[in-house]
Amino acid sequence: MPTTRLRVCAESELAAGTGRRVLVQPGWEIGVFRTREGALHAIDNACPHAGAPLHNGPIVGGDVVCPLHLWSFSLTTGKCTLFEGPEVEVYPIEVDAGYIYVLLEEEDADE
């Protein structure tokens, strides 16, 4: 399936331990995160519980914590790490020529 590369920002613009909101299209945002160790991750930005923007939450280890109700989600798997059930979509990410890109399958990008 064809892939769309969505440019997020220059790699130097995303500090360790922070997240950034990326608007894919109206109603669909992705959160891009850099852990304190430097790993990059991309997940749906809306918490499945109440829709809070996950990019505003703190990164604790390999999880992001929802700033509204403190649910935490693995940045690697998208699964809630507090209890079984809710999860968010995880997207591949790459760095090319100093820029961070989220990779979206054409089918996802058209939704």
N, C-alpha and C. Protein backbone atom coordinates (compact mmCIF):
# COMPACT_ATOMS: atom_id res chain seq x y z
N MET A 1 0.85 -1.18 0.00
CA MET A 1 0.00 0.00 0.00
C MET A 1 0.90 1.24 0.00
N PRO A 2 0.59 2.23 -0.82
CA PRO A 2 1.40 3.46 -0.86
C PRO A 2 1.38 4.19 0.48
N THR A 3 2.47 4.90 0.75
CA THR A 3 2.64 5.61 2.00
C THR A 3 2.83 7.09 1.75
N THR A 4 2.21 7.92 2.59
CA THR A 4 2.40 9.36 2.58
C THR A 4 3.34 9.72 3.72
N ARG A 5 4.34 10.53 3.43
CA ARG A 5 5.24 11.02 4.48
C ARG A 5 4.79 12.42 4.88
N LEU A 6 4.36 12.54 6.12
CA LEU A 6 3.88 13.82 6.64
C LEU A 6 5.02 14.45 7.44
N ARG A 7 5.55 15.58 6.94
CA ARG A 7 6.65 16.25 7.64
C ARG A 7 6.13 16.94 8.89
N VAL A 8 6.81 16.67 10.01
CA VAL A 8 6.40 17.20 11.30
C VAL A 8 7.16 18.48 11.63
N CYS A 9 8.48 18.38 11.68
CA CYS A 9 9.33 19.51 12.04
C CYS A 9 10.78 19.09 11.87
N ALA A 10 11.67 20.04 12.03
CA ALA A 10 13.09 19.71 12.06
C ALA A 10 13.36 18.89 13.32
N GLU A 11 14.24 17.93 13.24
CA GLU A 11 14.55 17.08 14.38
C GLU A 11 14.99 17.92 15.58
N SER A 12 15.71 18.99 15.34
CA SER A 12 16.21 19.85 16.42
C SER A 12 15.10 20.64 17.12
N GLU A 13 13.90 20.70 16.54
CA GLU A 13 12.78 21.45 17.13
C GLU A 13 11.96 20.65 18.14
N LEU A 14 12.25 19.36 18.29
CA LEU A 14 11.51 18.54 19.25
C LEU A 14 12.47 18.09 20.35
N ALA A 15 12.39 18.77 21.47
CA ALA A 15 13.29 18.52 22.59
C ALA A 15 12.96 17.20 23.27
N ALA A 16 13.95 16.62 23.92
CA ALA A 16 13.75 15.39 24.68
C ALA A 16 12.71 15.62 25.77
N GLY A 17 11.82 14.64 25.95
CA GLY A 17 10.80 14.72 26.98
C GLY A 17 9.60 15.57 26.61
N THR A 18 9.41 15.85 25.31
CA THR A 18 8.29 16.70 24.89
C THR A 18 7.48 16.04 23.78
N GLY A 19 6.29 16.61 23.56
CA GLY A 19 5.41 16.17 22.47
C GLY A 19 4.99 17.35 21.64
N ARG A 20 4.53 17.06 20.44
CA ARG A 20 4.08 18.10 19.51
C ARG A 20 2.83 17.62 18.79
N ARG A 21 1.89 18.51 18.62
CA ARG A 21 0.64 18.23 17.90
C ARG A 21 0.87 18.43 16.41
N VAL A 22 0.34 17.48 15.61
CA VAL A 22 0.40 17.58 14.16
C VAL A 22 -1.01 17.38 13.61
N LEU A 23 -1.51 18.37 12.89
CA LEU A 23 -2.83 18.27 12.28
C LEU A 23 -2.68 17.53 10.96
N VAL A 24 -3.33 16.37 10.85
CA VAL A 24 -3.30 15.61 9.60
C VAL A 24 -4.38 16.14 8.67
N GLN A 25 -5.57 16.29 9.22
CA GLN A 25 -6.71 16.88 8.52
C GLN A 25 -7.71 17.25 9.60
N PRO A 26 -8.71 18.06 9.29
CA PRO A 26 -9.67 18.44 10.33
C PRO A 26 -10.24 17.22 11.05
N GLY A 27 -10.17 17.24 12.37
CA GLY A 27 -10.67 16.14 13.17
C GLY A 27 -9.68 15.02 13.43
N TRP A 28 -8.47 15.13 12.88
CA TRP A 28 -7.48 14.07 13.07
C TRP A 28 -6.12 14.69 13.36
N GLU A 29 -5.65 14.47 14.59
CA GLU A 29 -4.34 14.95 15.02
C GLU A 29 -3.49 13.77 15.46
N ILE A 30 -2.20 13.91 15.24
CA ILE A 30 -1.22 12.93 15.72
C ILE A 30 -0.31 13.65 16.70
N GLY A 31 0.06 12.96 17.76
CA GLY A 31 1.05 13.48 18.69
C GLY A 31 2.40 12.85 18.37
N VAL A 32 3.42 13.67 18.25
CA VAL A 32 4.77 13.18 18.00
C VAL A 32 5.58 13.49 19.25
N PHE A 33 6.30 12.49 19.74
CA PHE A 33 6.98 12.58 21.03
C PHE A 33 8.44 12.18 20.91
N ARG A 34 9.28 12.81 21.74
CA ARG A 34 10.67 12.39 21.90
C ARG A 34 10.85 12.08 23.39
N THR A 35 11.21 10.84 23.68
CA THR A 35 11.45 10.47 25.08
C THR A 35 12.72 11.14 25.57
N ARG A 36 12.93 11.09 26.86
CA ARG A 36 14.15 11.67 27.43
C ARG A 36 15.40 10.97 26.91
N GLU A 37 15.24 9.71 26.49
CA GLU A 37 16.36 8.96 25.92
C GLU A 37 16.57 9.28 24.44
N GLY A 38 15.64 10.04 23.85
CA GLY A 38 15.79 10.46 22.46
C GLY A 38 14.97 9.69 21.44
N ALA A 39 14.25 8.64 21.86
CA ALA A 39 13.45 7.86 20.92
C ALA A 39 12.25 8.68 20.44
N LEU A 40 11.91 8.53 19.16
CA LEU A 40 10.80 9.24 18.55
C LEU A 40 9.61 8.31 18.38
N HIS A 41 8.41 8.83 18.63
CA HIS A 41 7.18 8.05 18.52
C HIS A 41 6.06 8.93 17.99
N ALA A 42 5.08 8.29 17.33
CA ALA A 42 3.89 9.00 16.84
C ALA A 42 2.65 8.16 17.15
N ILE A 43 1.64 8.79 17.77
CA ILE A 43 0.38 8.13 18.11
C ILE A 43 -0.76 9.10 17.87
N ASP A 44 -2.00 8.56 17.84
CA ASP A 44 -3.16 9.46 17.79
C ASP A 44 -3.07 10.40 18.98
N ASN A 45 -3.41 11.65 18.76
CA ASN A 45 -3.24 12.66 19.80
C ASN A 45 -4.39 12.73 20.80
N ALA A 46 -5.54 12.17 20.47
CA ALA A 46 -6.70 12.26 21.35
C ALA A 46 -6.79 11.05 22.28
N CYS A 47 -6.87 11.30 23.56
CA CYS A 47 -7.08 10.24 24.54
C CYS A 47 -8.44 9.60 24.25
N PRO A 48 -8.52 8.27 24.20
CA PRO A 48 -9.82 7.64 23.90
C PRO A 48 -10.85 7.79 25.02
N HIS A 49 -10.42 8.22 26.18
CA HIS A 49 -11.35 8.39 27.31
C HIS A 49 -12.18 9.66 27.16
N ALA A 50 -11.52 10.81 27.02
CA ALA A 50 -12.26 12.07 26.96
C ALA A 50 -11.74 13.01 25.87
N GLY A 51 -10.86 12.51 24.99
CA GLY A 51 -10.39 13.31 23.87
C GLY A 51 -9.32 14.33 24.19
N ALA A 52 -8.75 14.29 25.38
CA ALA A 52 -7.72 15.27 25.76
C ALA A 52 -6.51 15.14 24.84
N PRO A 53 -5.82 16.25 24.57
CA PRO A 53 -4.65 16.22 23.69
C PRO A 53 -3.44 15.60 24.40
N LEU A 54 -3.06 14.42 23.97
CA LEU A 54 -1.97 13.69 24.63
C LEU A 54 -0.63 14.41 24.52
N HIS A 55 -0.43 15.21 23.48
CA HIS A 55 0.87 15.89 23.33
C HIS A 55 1.15 16.85 24.49
N ASN A 56 0.12 17.23 25.23
CA ASN A 56 0.30 18.11 26.39
C ASN A 56 0.65 17.36 27.66
N GLY A 57 0.61 16.04 27.61
CA GLY A 57 0.88 15.24 28.80
C GLY A 57 2.36 14.97 28.99
N PRO A 58 2.76 14.66 30.22
CA PRO A 58 4.16 14.34 30.49
C PRO A 58 4.52 12.96 29.95
N ILE A 59 5.78 12.81 29.60
CA ILE A 59 6.31 11.52 29.17
C ILE A 59 7.00 10.91 30.38
N VAL A 60 6.56 9.71 30.74
CA VAL A 60 7.13 9.01 31.89
C VAL A 60 7.65 7.67 31.38
N GLY A 61 8.96 7.55 31.33
CA GLY A 61 9.54 6.34 30.73
C GLY A 61 9.16 6.28 29.27
N GLY A 62 8.50 5.18 28.87
CA GLY A 62 8.06 5.02 27.49
C GLY A 62 6.59 5.27 27.30
N ASP A 63 5.96 5.97 28.27
CA ASP A 63 4.52 6.26 28.20
C ASP A 63 4.26 7.76 28.17
N VAL A 64 3.11 8.12 27.61
CA VAL A 64 2.63 9.49 27.75
C VAL A 64 1.41 9.42 28.66
N VAL A 65 1.29 10.40 29.56
CA VAL A 65 0.21 10.44 30.53
C VAL A 65 -0.79 11.51 30.10
N CYS A 66 -2.05 11.11 29.98
CA CYS A 66 -3.10 12.06 29.60
C CYS A 66 -3.16 13.19 30.62
N PRO A 67 -3.14 14.44 30.15
CA PRO A 67 -3.15 15.56 31.08
C PRO A 67 -4.50 15.78 31.77
N LEU A 68 -5.54 15.12 31.31
CA LEU A 68 -6.87 15.34 31.88
C LEU A 68 -7.21 14.36 33.00
N HIS A 69 -7.09 13.07 32.73
CA HIS A 69 -7.48 12.07 33.73
C HIS A 69 -6.37 11.09 34.08
N LEU A 70 -5.16 11.36 33.65
CA LEU A 70 -3.96 10.62 34.03
C LEU A 70 -3.89 9.18 33.54
N TRP A 71 -4.66 8.84 32.49
CA TRP A 71 -4.48 7.54 31.87
C TRP A 71 -3.13 7.59 31.17
N SER A 72 -2.39 6.49 31.15
CA SER A 72 -1.11 6.48 30.45
C SER A 72 -1.15 5.47 29.31
N PHE A 73 -0.43 5.83 28.24
CA PHE A 73 -0.40 5.01 27.03
C PHE A 73 1.04 4.78 26.60
N SER A 74 1.32 3.52 26.22
CA SER A 74 2.64 3.18 25.72
C SER A 74 2.87 3.89 24.39
N LEU A 75 3.99 4.57 24.27
CA LEU A 75 4.31 5.24 23.01
C LEU A 75 4.72 4.23 21.94
N THR A 76 5.05 3.02 22.34
CA THR A 76 5.45 1.97 21.40
C THR A 76 4.27 1.16 20.88
N THR A 77 3.35 0.80 21.79
CA THR A 77 2.24 -0.07 21.39
C THR A 77 0.90 0.65 21.29
N GLY A 78 0.77 1.81 21.95
CA GLY A 78 -0.49 2.55 21.98
C GLY A 78 -1.46 2.05 23.03
N LYS A 79 -1.11 0.97 23.74
CA LYS A 79 -2.02 0.39 24.74
C LYS A 79 -1.99 1.17 26.05
N CYS A 80 -3.14 1.23 26.70
CA CYS A 80 -3.22 1.83 28.02
C CYS A 80 -2.40 0.97 28.97
N THR A 81 -1.56 1.60 29.78
CA THR A 81 -0.70 0.85 30.68
C THR A 81 -1.27 0.76 32.09
N LEU A 82 -2.45 1.32 32.32
CA LEU A 82 -3.09 1.24 33.64
C LEU A 82 -4.03 0.04 33.75
N PHE A 83 -4.72 -0.26 32.65
CA PHE A 83 -5.66 -1.39 32.63
C PHE A 83 -5.88 -1.77 31.18
N GLU A 84 -6.45 -2.94 30.98
CA GLU A 84 -6.66 -3.47 29.64
C GLU A 84 -7.85 -2.80 28.97
N GLY A 85 -7.74 -2.59 27.69
CA GLY A 85 -8.88 -2.07 26.93
C GLY A 85 -8.52 -0.96 25.98
N PRO A 86 -8.53 0.29 26.46
CA PRO A 86 -8.36 1.40 25.52
C PRO A 86 -6.94 1.47 24.95
N GLU A 87 -6.87 1.92 23.72
CA GLU A 87 -5.57 2.14 23.10
C GLU A 87 -5.69 3.19 22.01
N VAL A 88 -4.55 3.69 21.60
CA VAL A 88 -4.49 4.67 20.52
C VAL A 88 -3.66 4.09 19.39
N GLU A 89 -3.91 4.57 18.20
CA GLU A 89 -3.17 4.12 17.01
C GLU A 89 -1.72 4.60 17.09
N VAL A 90 -0.81 3.74 16.65
CA VAL A 90 0.62 4.06 16.60
C VAL A 90 1.01 4.16 15.12
N TYR A 91 1.86 5.13 14.81
CA TYR A 91 2.27 5.34 13.42
C TYR A 91 3.79 5.24 13.31
N PRO A 92 4.27 4.70 12.18
CA PRO A 92 5.72 4.67 11.96
C PRO A 92 6.25 6.10 11.82
N ILE A 93 7.50 6.25 12.20
CA ILE A 93 8.14 7.56 12.15
C ILE A 93 9.55 7.38 11.62
N GLU A 94 10.04 8.37 10.92
CA GLU A 94 11.42 8.31 10.44
C GLU A 94 12.03 9.70 10.42
N VAL A 95 13.34 9.73 10.40
CA VAL A 95 14.08 10.98 10.28
C VAL A 95 14.85 10.92 8.97
N ASP A 96 14.74 11.99 8.19
CA ASP A 96 15.42 12.07 6.90
C ASP A 96 15.92 13.49 6.70
N ALA A 97 17.19 13.63 6.47
CA ALA A 97 17.81 14.94 6.21
C ALA A 97 17.49 15.95 7.30
N GLY A 98 17.43 15.47 8.57
CA GLY A 98 17.22 16.36 9.69
C GLY A 98 15.77 16.70 9.99
N TYR A 99 14.81 16.08 9.27
CA TYR A 99 13.39 16.32 9.50
C TYR A 99 12.71 15.05 9.98
N ILE A 100 11.71 15.22 10.85
CA ILE A 100 10.91 14.12 11.37
C ILE A 100 9.68 13.96 10.47
N TYR A 101 9.40 12.73 10.08
CA TYR A 101 8.23 12.41 9.26
C TYR A 101 7.41 11.33 9.93
N VAL A 102 6.07 11.45 9.84
CA VAL A 102 5.16 10.38 10.22
C VAL A 102 4.74 9.71 8.92
N LEU A 103 4.73 8.38 8.91
CA LEU A 103 4.36 7.64 7.73
C LEU A 103 2.91 7.17 7.86
N LEU A 104 2.10 7.56 6.88
CA LEU A 104 0.68 7.22 6.87
C LEU A 104 0.37 6.42 5.63
N GLU A 105 -0.35 5.32 5.80
CA GLU A 105 -0.81 4.58 4.64
C GLU A 105 -1.83 5.45 3.92
N GLU A 106 -1.83 5.40 2.60
CA GLU A 106 -2.74 6.24 1.79
C GLU A 106 -4.17 6.09 2.25
N GLU A 107 -4.59 4.89 2.61
CA GLU A 107 -5.94 4.64 3.09
C GLU A 107 -6.24 5.46 4.34
N ASP A 108 -5.28 5.52 5.28
CA ASP A 108 -5.46 6.30 6.51
C ASP A 108 -5.52 7.79 6.21
N ALA A 109 -4.66 8.26 5.32
CA ALA A 109 -4.56 9.68 5.03
C ALA A 109 -5.82 10.20 4.34
N ASP A 110 -6.55 9.31 3.65
CA ASP A 110 -7.76 9.74 2.93
C ASP A 110 -9.00 9.77 3.82
N GLU A 111 -8.94 9.16 5.01
CA GLU A 111 -10.12 9.09 5.88
C GLU A 111 -10.48 10.43 6.44
